Protein backbone atom coordinates (compact mmCIF):
# COMPACT_ATOMS: atom_id res chain seq x y z
CA MET A 1 0.00 0.00 0.00
CA VAL A 2 1.43 3.36 -1.05
CA THR A 3 0.66 6.34 1.11
CA THR A 4 0.86 10.01 0.25
CA ARG A 5 4.40 11.35 0.33
CA PRO A 6 4.91 13.84 3.18
CA ALA A 7 5.53 17.47 2.25
CA GLY A 8 9.18 18.06 1.44
CA ALA A 9 10.00 14.38 0.97
CA ARG A 10 11.75 13.37 -2.24
CA GLY A 11 11.88 10.05 -4.02
CA ILE A 12 15.17 8.22 -4.49
CA ASP A 13 15.29 9.06 -8.21
CA GLU A 14 15.26 12.77 -7.38
CA ILE A 15 17.79 12.36 -4.58
CA LEU A 16 20.10 10.40 -6.88
CA ALA A 17 19.77 12.94 -9.69
CA ASP A 18 20.57 15.78 -7.29
CA ALA A 19 23.61 13.88 -5.98
CA ARG A 20 24.92 13.17 -9.46
CA GLY A 21 24.45 16.81 -10.39
CA ARG A 22 27.05 17.66 -7.75
CA LEU A 23 29.67 15.25 -9.11
CA ARG A 24 31.94 14.91 -12.13
CA ARG A 25 31.53 11.15 -12.36
CA LEU A 26 34.24 9.03 -13.94
CA THR A 27 34.19 6.27 -16.54
CA PRO A 28 36.24 3.17 -15.73
CA ALA A 29 38.99 4.40 -18.09
CA ASP A 30 39.11 7.79 -16.36
CA ALA A 31 39.15 6.16 -12.91
CA PHE A 32 41.96 3.79 -13.97
CA ARG A 33 44.02 6.73 -15.20
CA GLU A 34 43.39 8.73 -12.05
CA GLN A 35 44.22 5.76 -9.82
CA ALA A 36 47.56 5.46 -11.63
CA GLY A 37 48.09 9.17 -10.88
CA GLY A 38 47.46 8.83 -7.15
CA ALA A 39 43.69 8.92 -6.71
CA VAL A 40 42.30 6.51 -4.12
CA LEU A 41 39.59 4.06 -5.16
CA ILE A 42 37.26 3.41 -2.23
CA ASP A 43 35.22 0.19 -2.37
CA ILE A 44 32.06 0.59 -0.27
CA ARG A 45 30.56 -2.81 -1.09
CA PRO A 46 29.78 -5.21 1.75
CA ALA A 47 31.86 -8.38 2.09
CA ALA A 48 29.21 -10.63 0.54
CA GLN A 49 29.18 -8.57 -2.67
CA ARG A 50 32.97 -8.53 -2.89
CA ALA A 51 33.09 -12.29 -2.27
CA GLY A 52 30.92 -12.91 -5.30
CA VAL A 53 32.84 -10.88 -7.87
CA GLY A 54 36.18 -9.79 -6.43
CA GLU A 55 37.98 -6.54 -5.81
CA ILE A 56 39.97 -3.86 -7.59
CA PRO A 57 43.71 -4.11 -6.90
CA GLY A 58 45.02 -1.07 -5.06
CA SER A 59 41.60 -0.03 -3.77
CA VAL A 60 40.77 0.64 -0.13
CA ILE A 61 37.77 -1.21 1.30
CA VAL A 62 35.67 1.03 3.53
CA GLU A 63 32.20 -0.42 3.84
CA ARG A 64 29.43 2.13 3.41
CA ASN A 65 28.41 2.18 7.06
CA HIS A 66 31.92 3.39 8.07
CA LEU A 67 32.68 5.74 5.18
CA GLU A 68 32.19 9.16 6.76
CA TRP A 69 34.04 8.20 9.95
CA ARG A 70 37.03 6.82 8.05
CA LEU A 71 37.33 9.74 5.62
CA ASP A 72 36.49 12.76 7.79
CA PRO A 73 39.84 14.50 8.36
CA GLU A 74 38.65 15.73 11.78
CA CYS A 75 37.36 12.38 13.07
CA GLU A 76 39.41 10.31 15.51
CA ALA A 77 38.35 7.17 13.58
CA ARG A 78 39.75 8.43 10.25
CA LEU A 79 42.23 6.43 8.22
CA PRO A 80 45.83 7.53 8.91
CA TRP A 81 46.36 8.91 5.38
CA VAL A 82 43.29 11.16 5.61
CA THR A 83 45.11 14.31 6.67
CA GLY A 84 43.22 17.00 4.77
CA TYR A 85 40.41 17.84 2.41
CA ASP A 86 42.14 17.74 -0.97
CA HIS A 87 42.36 13.96 -1.52
CA ARG A 88 41.09 12.66 -4.86
CA ILE A 89 38.71 9.92 -3.80
CA ILE A 90 36.78 7.77 -6.26
CA VAL A 91 34.01 5.76 -4.60
CA PHE A 92 32.60 2.63 -6.17
CA CYS A 93 29.89 0.10 -5.42
CA VAL A 94 28.41 -2.67 -7.56
CA ASP A 95 26.57 -0.62 -10.20
CA GLY A 96 27.28 3.04 -9.41
CA TYR A 97 24.14 4.06 -7.55
CA THR A 98 25.05 3.91 -3.86
CA SER A 99 28.49 5.30 -4.70
CA SER A 100 26.94 8.51 -6.03
CA LEU A 101 25.16 9.10 -2.74
CA ALA A 102 28.32 8.20 -0.80
CA ALA A 103 30.50 10.57 -2.85
CA VAL A 104 28.11 13.44 -2.14
CA ALA A 105 28.27 12.61 1.57
CA LEU A 106 32.05 13.07 1.27
CA HIS A 107 31.46 16.44 -0.43
CA ASP A 108 29.35 17.39 2.59
CA LEU A 109 32.37 16.60 4.79
CA GLY A 110 34.43 19.01 2.69
CA LEU A 111 36.17 16.44 0.48
CA HIS A 112 35.37 18.48 -2.63
CA ARG A 113 37.36 16.28 -5.05
CA ALA A 114 35.43 13.10 -4.22
CA THR A 115 33.45 11.47 -7.00
CA ASP A 116 32.27 8.03 -8.08
CA LEU A 117 32.73 5.42 -10.77
CA ILE A 118 30.00 5.30 -13.42
CA GLY A 119 28.64 1.75 -13.55
CA GLY A 120 30.57 0.66 -10.47
CA PHE A 121 32.58 -2.54 -10.20
CA ARG A 122 30.55 -4.22 -12.97
CA ALA A 123 31.50 -1.52 -15.50
CA TRP A 124 35.16 -1.60 -14.38
CA SER A 125 35.31 -5.37 -14.81
CA ALA A 126 33.38 -5.35 -18.11
CA ALA A 127 35.82 -2.77 -19.49
CA GLY A 128 38.66 -5.20 -18.83
CA PHE A 129 40.42 -3.30 -16.06
CA PRO A 130 42.28 -5.30 -13.39
CA THR A 131 40.32 -7.27 -10.80
CA ALA A 132 41.33 -9.89 -8.27
CA PRO A 133 39.45 -12.51 -6.28
CA ALA A 134 38.03 -11.21 -3.02
CA GLY A 135 40.48 -11.64 -0.19
CA ALA A 136 43.45 -11.90 -2.56
CA GLY A 137 45.26 -9.22 -0.60
CA THR A 138 45.34 -6.74 -3.48
CA ALA A 139 43.06 -4.26 -1.71
CA THR A 140 43.53 -2.64 1.70
CA LEU A 141 40.91 -3.41 4.35
CA ALA A 142 40.07 -0.41 6.50
CA PRO A 143 39.36 -1.11 10.17
CA GLY A 144 35.87 -2.53 10.56
CA ALA A 145 35.65 -3.88 6.99
CA ALA A 146 35.26 -7.62 6.66
CA PRO A 147 37.31 -9.58 4.14
CA GLY A 148 35.30 -10.75 1.12
CA GLY A 149 33.10 -13.69 2.01
CA VAL A 150 33.18 -13.02 5.75
CA THR A 151 30.00 -11.79 7.34
CA GLY A 152 28.96 -11.23 10.89
CA ARG A 153 29.05 -8.65 13.63
CA ARG A 154 31.82 -6.07 13.52
CA SER A 155 32.70 -3.19 15.77
CA ARG A 156 31.49 0.33 15.16
CA PRO A 157 33.64 2.68 13.05
CA GLY A 158 35.54 3.93 16.10
CA GLY A 159 36.44 0.36 16.97
CA THR A 160 35.05 0.66 20.52
CA GLY A 161 31.67 -0.99 20.06
CA ARG A 162 30.04 2.17 21.42
CA SER A 163 27.06 3.73 19.68
CA ARG A 164 29.06 6.65 18.20
CA PRO A 165 32.72 6.82 17.28
CA GLY A 166 34.81 8.99 19.56
CA ARG A 167 32.08 9.41 22.17
């Protein structure tokens, strides 16, 4: 049963279109070139998705539920290399939908050069760019991310098990 949308609410198609309007999204070829030039590919897929199709060598795995904590330069739970706001970050998911929303969340943190991969991992793989089996050790697992194929309870982004990192 569909109810009437509340005033001010937007559908996901509108939210996604607005997010993509804020980004200069990259094709797999562009992302490959930028990765070779120092950009960081961030894989936000959960372990079960990575287990099924693999990973991109050289990427950093930061599952979606930890993304903002790991990449906020002012957060105690950030990754050690996140030392400022000028990093070139290219987010990817399976098909390039969730990654658009995630990249805009990084913009909201001030990471103005963040973007995402058009078509996600599937497009990267279909274009013939390098992939590796999940858990092959070619990608870096951020704290809290499970290796491909491993599921189960993990700690919160701050690693303390508390409800909010750093609190």
